[in-house]
Amino acid sequence: MSDVQTDHDTAAPAQRYRRRLSDKILIAFHQACDQGDFEVAERLLTVLEVTMTRSPTPPKRRRDVGSLVMAHERLWNLRHPVVQEYRTFR
């Protein structure tokens, strides 16, 4: 192997990690919800909370916190669907 690095070698890692880990976990959470795998979705939410709170700078942006809250709400709504009662009036 050669010790010479090409531009291609140095550019690959930068593109590979373009998205934040928390974004990737959130995408996986939504996929688990879409597939009805609520146990996995719940575990991914736990991991998402860990990644957001343990980073050197906690999530300051409202969008980050908002997306976490919305994810919890989505999972709760999927687990507790609203049953509408239809009544006929005579």
N, C-alpha and C. Protein backbone atom coordinates (compact mmCIF):
# COMPACT_ATOMS: atom_id res chain seq x y z
N MET A 1 0.82 -1.18 0.00
CA MET A 1 0.00 0.00 0.00
C MET A 1 0.87 1.24 0.00
N SER A 2 0.32 2.25 -0.55
CA SER A 2 1.03 3.50 -0.67
C SER A 2 0.70 4.40 0.51
N ASP A 3 1.66 5.22 0.92
CA ASP A 3 1.43 6.19 1.99
C ASP A 3 0.86 7.50 1.47
N VAL A 4 0.68 7.59 0.16
CA VAL A 4 0.19 8.81 -0.45
C VAL A 4 -1.34 8.82 -0.38
N GLN A 5 -1.89 9.93 0.16
CA GLN A 5 -3.34 10.06 0.22
C GLN A 5 -3.82 10.88 -0.97
N THR A 6 -4.91 10.46 -1.51
CA THR A 6 -5.49 11.21 -2.61
C THR A 6 -6.62 12.07 -2.07
N ASP A 7 -7.11 13.00 -2.87
CA ASP A 7 -8.24 13.83 -2.46
C ASP A 7 -9.47 12.98 -2.19
N HIS A 8 -9.61 11.91 -2.93
CA HIS A 8 -10.75 11.01 -2.75
C HIS A 8 -10.73 10.37 -1.36
N ASP A 9 -9.54 10.02 -0.87
CA ASP A 9 -9.42 9.39 0.45
C ASP A 9 -9.83 10.33 1.57
N THR A 10 -9.50 11.59 1.46
CA THR A 10 -9.82 12.53 2.53
C THR A 10 -11.25 13.03 2.45
N ALA A 11 -11.85 13.01 1.29
CA ALA A 11 -13.22 13.50 1.13
C ALA A 11 -14.26 12.48 1.59
N ALA A 12 -13.95 11.22 1.51
CA ALA A 12 -14.92 10.17 1.84
C ALA A 12 -15.41 10.25 3.29
N PRO A 13 -14.54 10.37 4.30
CA PRO A 13 -15.05 10.41 5.67
C PRO A 13 -15.93 11.63 5.93
N ALA A 14 -15.64 12.76 5.33
CA ALA A 14 -16.45 13.95 5.55
C ALA A 14 -17.87 13.73 5.04
N GLN A 15 -18.04 13.12 3.89
CA GLN A 15 -19.37 12.87 3.36
C GLN A 15 -20.08 11.77 4.12
N ARG A 16 -19.35 10.81 4.58
CA ARG A 16 -19.94 9.68 5.29
C ARG A 16 -20.65 10.15 6.56
N TYR A 17 -20.11 11.14 7.23
CA TYR A 17 -20.67 11.62 8.49
C TYR A 17 -21.34 12.98 8.33
N ARG A 18 -21.99 13.18 7.23
CA ARG A 18 -22.63 14.47 6.97
C ARG A 18 -23.78 14.74 7.94
N ARG A 19 -24.57 13.73 8.23
CA ARG A 19 -25.68 13.88 9.18
C ARG A 19 -25.20 13.59 10.58
N ARG A 20 -25.83 14.25 11.54
CA ARG A 20 -25.51 13.98 12.94
C ARG A 20 -26.07 12.61 13.33
N LEU A 21 -25.46 12.01 14.32
CA LEU A 21 -25.91 10.71 14.80
C LEU A 21 -27.36 10.80 15.28
N SER A 22 -27.70 11.88 15.96
CA SER A 22 -29.07 12.03 16.46
C SER A 22 -30.08 12.07 15.31
N ASP A 23 -29.70 12.66 14.18
CA ASP A 23 -30.59 12.69 13.01
C ASP A 23 -30.81 11.29 12.47
N LYS A 24 -29.76 10.50 12.41
CA LYS A 24 -29.88 9.14 11.91
C LYS A 24 -30.74 8.28 12.83
N ILE A 25 -30.60 8.47 14.13
CA ILE A 25 -31.40 7.72 15.08
C ILE A 25 -32.87 8.10 14.95
N LEU A 26 -33.14 9.39 14.75
CA LEU A 26 -34.51 9.86 14.58
C LEU A 26 -35.14 9.27 13.32
N ILE A 27 -34.37 9.17 12.26
CA ILE A 27 -34.86 8.55 11.03
C ILE A 27 -35.20 7.08 11.28
N ALA A 28 -34.31 6.38 12.00
CA ALA A 28 -34.56 4.97 12.31
C ALA A 28 -35.80 4.83 13.20
N PHE A 29 -36.01 5.78 14.12
CA PHE A 29 -37.20 5.77 14.97
C PHE A 29 -38.46 5.84 14.12
N HIS A 30 -38.49 6.79 13.19
CA HIS A 30 -39.67 6.94 12.34
C HIS A 30 -39.91 5.70 11.46
N GLN A 31 -38.84 5.09 11.02
CA GLN A 31 -38.98 3.87 10.23
C GLN A 31 -39.57 2.75 11.09
N ALA A 32 -39.11 2.63 12.32
CA ALA A 32 -39.67 1.61 13.22
C ALA A 32 -41.15 1.87 13.47
N CYS A 33 -41.52 3.14 13.65
CA CYS A 33 -42.95 3.48 13.83
C CYS A 33 -43.75 3.11 12.59
N ASP A 34 -43.22 3.45 11.42
CA ASP A 34 -43.91 3.14 10.17
C ASP A 34 -44.15 1.64 10.01
N GLN A 35 -43.22 0.85 10.53
CA GLN A 35 -43.33 -0.60 10.41
C GLN A 35 -44.07 -1.23 11.60
N GLY A 36 -44.51 -0.40 12.54
CA GLY A 36 -45.27 -0.90 13.68
C GLY A 36 -44.44 -1.59 14.74
N ASP A 37 -43.15 -1.39 14.72
CA ASP A 37 -42.27 -2.01 15.71
C ASP A 37 -42.05 -1.02 16.85
N PHE A 38 -43.02 -0.96 17.76
CA PHE A 38 -43.00 0.05 18.81
C PHE A 38 -41.94 -0.19 19.87
N GLU A 39 -41.59 -1.45 20.10
CA GLU A 39 -40.54 -1.75 21.07
C GLU A 39 -39.20 -1.17 20.60
N VAL A 40 -38.89 -1.36 19.33
CA VAL A 40 -37.65 -0.82 18.77
C VAL A 40 -37.71 0.71 18.77
N ALA A 41 -38.86 1.26 18.41
CA ALA A 41 -39.02 2.71 18.39
C ALA A 41 -38.76 3.30 19.78
N GLU A 42 -39.28 2.65 20.81
CA GLU A 42 -39.07 3.13 22.18
C GLU A 42 -37.60 3.08 22.57
N ARG A 43 -36.94 2.01 22.21
CA ARG A 43 -35.51 1.90 22.52
C ARG A 43 -34.69 2.95 21.77
N LEU A 44 -35.06 3.21 20.53
CA LEU A 44 -34.37 4.25 19.76
C LEU A 44 -34.57 5.63 20.39
N LEU A 45 -35.76 5.87 20.93
CA LEU A 45 -35.99 7.14 21.62
C LEU A 45 -35.09 7.29 22.83
N THR A 46 -34.90 6.20 23.55
CA THR A 46 -34.00 6.23 24.71
C THR A 46 -32.57 6.55 24.26
N VAL A 47 -32.13 5.92 23.19
CA VAL A 47 -30.79 6.18 22.66
C VAL A 47 -30.69 7.62 22.17
N LEU A 48 -31.73 8.11 21.54
CA LEU A 48 -31.74 9.49 21.06
C LEU A 48 -31.59 10.46 22.22
N GLU A 49 -32.30 10.22 23.30
CA GLU A 49 -32.18 11.08 24.47
C GLU A 49 -30.75 11.07 25.02
N VAL A 50 -30.15 9.90 25.05
CA VAL A 50 -28.77 9.78 25.54
C VAL A 50 -27.82 10.59 24.66
N THR A 51 -27.95 10.44 23.35
CA THR A 51 -27.04 11.15 22.45
C THR A 51 -27.24 12.66 22.53
N MET A 52 -28.46 13.10 22.78
CA MET A 52 -28.72 14.54 22.84
C MET A 52 -28.28 15.15 24.16
N THR A 53 -28.33 14.38 25.24
CA THR A 53 -27.99 14.94 26.55
C THR A 53 -26.54 14.73 26.94
N ARG A 54 -25.86 13.78 26.35
CA ARG A 54 -24.47 13.54 26.76
C ARG A 54 -23.47 14.32 25.93
N SER A 55 -23.89 14.91 24.83
CA SER A 55 -22.95 15.65 24.00
C SER A 55 -22.41 16.83 24.79
N PRO A 56 -21.21 17.30 24.45
CA PRO A 56 -20.59 18.40 25.19
C PRO A 56 -21.48 19.64 25.25
N THR A 57 -22.20 19.90 24.18
CA THR A 57 -23.13 21.02 24.18
C THR A 57 -24.54 20.46 24.07
N PRO A 58 -25.34 20.61 25.12
CA PRO A 58 -26.70 20.06 25.08
C PRO A 58 -27.51 20.72 23.97
N PRO A 59 -28.56 20.06 23.54
CA PRO A 59 -29.35 20.63 22.44
C PRO A 59 -29.94 21.97 22.84
N LYS A 60 -29.51 23.00 22.17
CA LYS A 60 -29.98 24.34 22.49
C LYS A 60 -31.07 24.77 21.53
N ARG A 61 -31.01 24.20 20.36
CA ARG A 61 -31.98 24.62 19.36
C ARG A 61 -33.35 24.03 19.67
N ARG A 62 -34.35 24.86 19.53
CA ARG A 62 -35.72 24.40 19.77
C ARG A 62 -36.10 23.27 18.85
N ARG A 63 -35.55 23.30 17.64
CA ARG A 63 -35.89 22.25 16.68
C ARG A 63 -35.46 20.88 17.19
N ASP A 64 -34.28 20.80 17.81
CA ASP A 64 -33.80 19.52 18.34
C ASP A 64 -34.71 19.01 19.45
N VAL A 65 -35.02 19.88 20.38
CA VAL A 65 -35.88 19.49 21.50
C VAL A 65 -37.29 19.22 20.98
N GLY A 66 -37.74 20.04 20.05
CA GLY A 66 -39.07 19.86 19.48
C GLY A 66 -39.22 18.54 18.76
N SER A 67 -38.19 18.14 18.03
CA SER A 67 -38.27 16.86 17.32
C SER A 67 -38.30 15.69 18.29
N LEU A 68 -37.62 15.82 19.42
CA LEU A 68 -37.65 14.78 20.44
C LEU A 68 -39.04 14.69 21.07
N VAL A 69 -39.63 15.82 21.37
CA VAL A 69 -40.97 15.85 21.95
C VAL A 69 -41.99 15.27 20.95
N MET A 70 -41.88 15.67 19.70
CA MET A 70 -42.80 15.16 18.68
C MET A 70 -42.65 13.66 18.49
N ALA A 71 -41.44 13.15 18.62
CA ALA A 71 -41.22 11.71 18.50
C ALA A 71 -41.92 10.98 19.64
N HIS A 72 -41.79 11.51 20.86
CA HIS A 72 -42.49 10.90 22.00
C HIS A 72 -44.00 10.94 21.79
N GLU A 73 -44.50 12.06 21.29
CA GLU A 73 -45.93 12.17 21.03
C GLU A 73 -46.38 11.18 19.97
N ARG A 74 -45.58 11.01 18.93
CA ARG A 74 -45.96 10.06 17.87
C ARG A 74 -46.06 8.65 18.42
N LEU A 75 -45.08 8.25 19.20
CA LEU A 75 -45.10 6.90 19.75
C LEU A 75 -46.29 6.72 20.69
N TRP A 76 -46.57 7.72 21.52
CA TRP A 76 -47.71 7.63 22.42
C TRP A 76 -49.01 7.50 21.64
N ASN A 77 -49.16 8.32 20.61
CA ASN A 77 -50.39 8.27 19.79
C ASN A 77 -50.54 6.95 19.05
N LEU A 78 -49.43 6.36 18.62
CA LEU A 78 -49.50 5.06 17.96
C LEU A 78 -49.90 3.96 18.93
N ARG A 79 -49.43 4.08 20.15
CA ARG A 79 -49.76 3.06 21.15
C ARG A 79 -51.15 3.27 21.76
N HIS A 80 -51.67 4.48 21.68
CA HIS A 80 -52.98 4.80 22.26
C HIS A 80 -53.86 5.45 21.20
N PRO A 81 -54.28 4.68 20.23
CA PRO A 81 -55.10 5.27 19.16
C PRO A 81 -56.45 5.75 19.71
N VAL A 82 -56.92 6.82 19.14
CA VAL A 82 -58.21 7.36 19.53
C VAL A 82 -59.29 6.54 18.85
N VAL A 83 -60.17 6.02 19.66
CA VAL A 83 -61.28 5.23 19.14
C VAL A 83 -62.49 6.15 19.11
N GLN A 84 -62.97 6.40 17.93
CA GLN A 84 -64.13 7.27 17.79
C GLN A 84 -65.39 6.41 17.86
N GLU A 85 -66.30 6.87 18.65
CA GLU A 85 -67.56 6.15 18.82
C GLU A 85 -68.59 6.81 17.90
N TYR A 86 -69.13 6.02 17.04
CA TYR A 86 -70.14 6.52 16.13
C TYR A 86 -71.52 6.19 16.68
N ARG A 87 -72.32 7.19 16.79
CA ARG A 87 -73.70 6.99 17.27
C ARG A 87 -74.65 7.46 16.18
N THR A 88 -75.65 6.71 16.04
CA THR A 88 -76.69 7.13 15.09
C THR A 88 -77.82 7.72 15.89
N PHE A 89 -78.28 8.82 15.45
CA PHE A 89 -79.39 9.49 16.14
C PHE A 89 -80.67 9.20 15.37
N ARG A 90 -81.71 8.81 16.10
CA ARG A 90 -82.99 8.48 15.46
C ARG A 90 -84.06 9.38 16.00
